[in-house]
Protein backbone atom coordinates (compact mmCIF):
# COMPACT_ATOMS: atom_id res chain seq x y z
CA MET A 1 2.83 -0.93 19.88
CA GLN A 2 1.84 -0.07 16.35
CA PRO A 3 -1.88 -1.57 15.56
CA LYS A 4 -1.42 -4.13 12.55
CA THR A 5 -2.52 -2.99 9.35
CA ARG A 6 -2.88 -4.77 6.07
CA PHE A 7 -0.52 -3.00 3.68
CA MET A 8 2.66 -1.24 3.86
CA ILE A 9 3.95 1.55 2.25
CA GLN A 10 7.72 1.44 2.42
CA VAL A 11 9.06 4.64 1.49
CA PRO A 12 13.07 4.22 1.09
CA GLY A 13 14.67 6.62 3.71
CA GLY A 14 11.64 7.50 5.15
CA THR A 15 9.12 5.77 6.86
CA ASN A 16 6.98 2.96 6.45
CA VAL A 17 3.18 3.86 6.59
CA GLY A 18 0.38 0.91 7.19
CA TYR A 19 -3.02 1.32 5.87
CA ASP A 20 -6.09 -0.73 6.15
CA THR A 21 -7.66 -0.85 2.95
CA ALA A 22 -6.42 -1.02 -1.36
CA GLU A 23 -8.42 2.18 -1.36
CA GLN A 24 -6.57 4.01 1.50
CA VAL A 25 -2.89 2.78 -0.19
CA LEU A 26 -4.02 4.34 -3.87
CA ASP A 27 -4.91 7.60 -1.99
CA ALA A 28 -1.55 7.84 -0.38
CA LEU A 29 0.37 6.75 -3.75
CA ASN A 30 -1.15 9.44 -5.43
CA ASP A 31 0.46 12.04 -3.06
CA LEU A 32 3.97 9.97 -3.39
CA LYS A 33 4.03 10.36 -7.57
CA ALA A 34 7.30 12.44 -7.05
CA VAL A 35 9.31 9.55 -4.52
CA GLU A 36 11.16 7.28 -6.33
CA GLY A 37 11.48 3.49 -5.31
CA VAL A 38 8.04 3.34 -3.44
CA THR A 39 7.22 -0.48 -2.56
CA VAL A 40 4.04 -1.56 -1.34
CA ALA A 41 3.43 -4.83 0.83
CA ASP A 42 0.13 -6.71 0.89
CA LEU A 43 1.05 -7.83 5.09
CA GLN A 44 -1.94 -10.58 5.28
CA THR A 45 -0.91 -12.36 2.40
CA GLY A 46 3.08 -11.79 2.25
CA MET A 47 2.99 -10.25 -1.48
CA SER A 48 5.25 -7.37 -1.82
CA LYS A 49 6.14 -5.04 -4.50
CA LEU A 50 2.30 -4.85 -5.78
CA THR A 51 1.71 -3.16 -8.42
CA ARG A 52 -1.04 -0.16 -8.71
CA GLU A 53 -3.08 -2.74 -11.04
CA ALA A 54 -2.95 -5.33 -8.69
CA LEU A 55 -3.79 -2.91 -6.06
CA GLU A 56 -6.74 -1.30 -7.91
CA GLU A 57 -8.43 -4.90 -8.79
CA LEU A 58 -8.13 -5.55 -4.83
CA ALA A 59 -9.84 -1.70 -3.86
CA ASN A 60 -12.17 -3.23 -6.45
CA ALA A 61 -12.83 -6.34 -4.76
CA GLU A 62 -13.04 -4.32 -1.63
CA ARG A 63 -15.88 -2.40 -2.24
CA GLU A 64 -17.89 -5.21 -3.83
């Protein structure tokens, strides 16, 4: 059974990847810049299709 994660990156035609922090998601998105249709969901709040700006705000809040 996969461990629970807060964020899920969904790659079209690929594997969904879970991360615990917004900072980890931002790092992963930098590696996926060339991939189209990538979306990020916050499994804790149920929000989907998070923008990079929203993830940056969450990462800043995590740092505080």
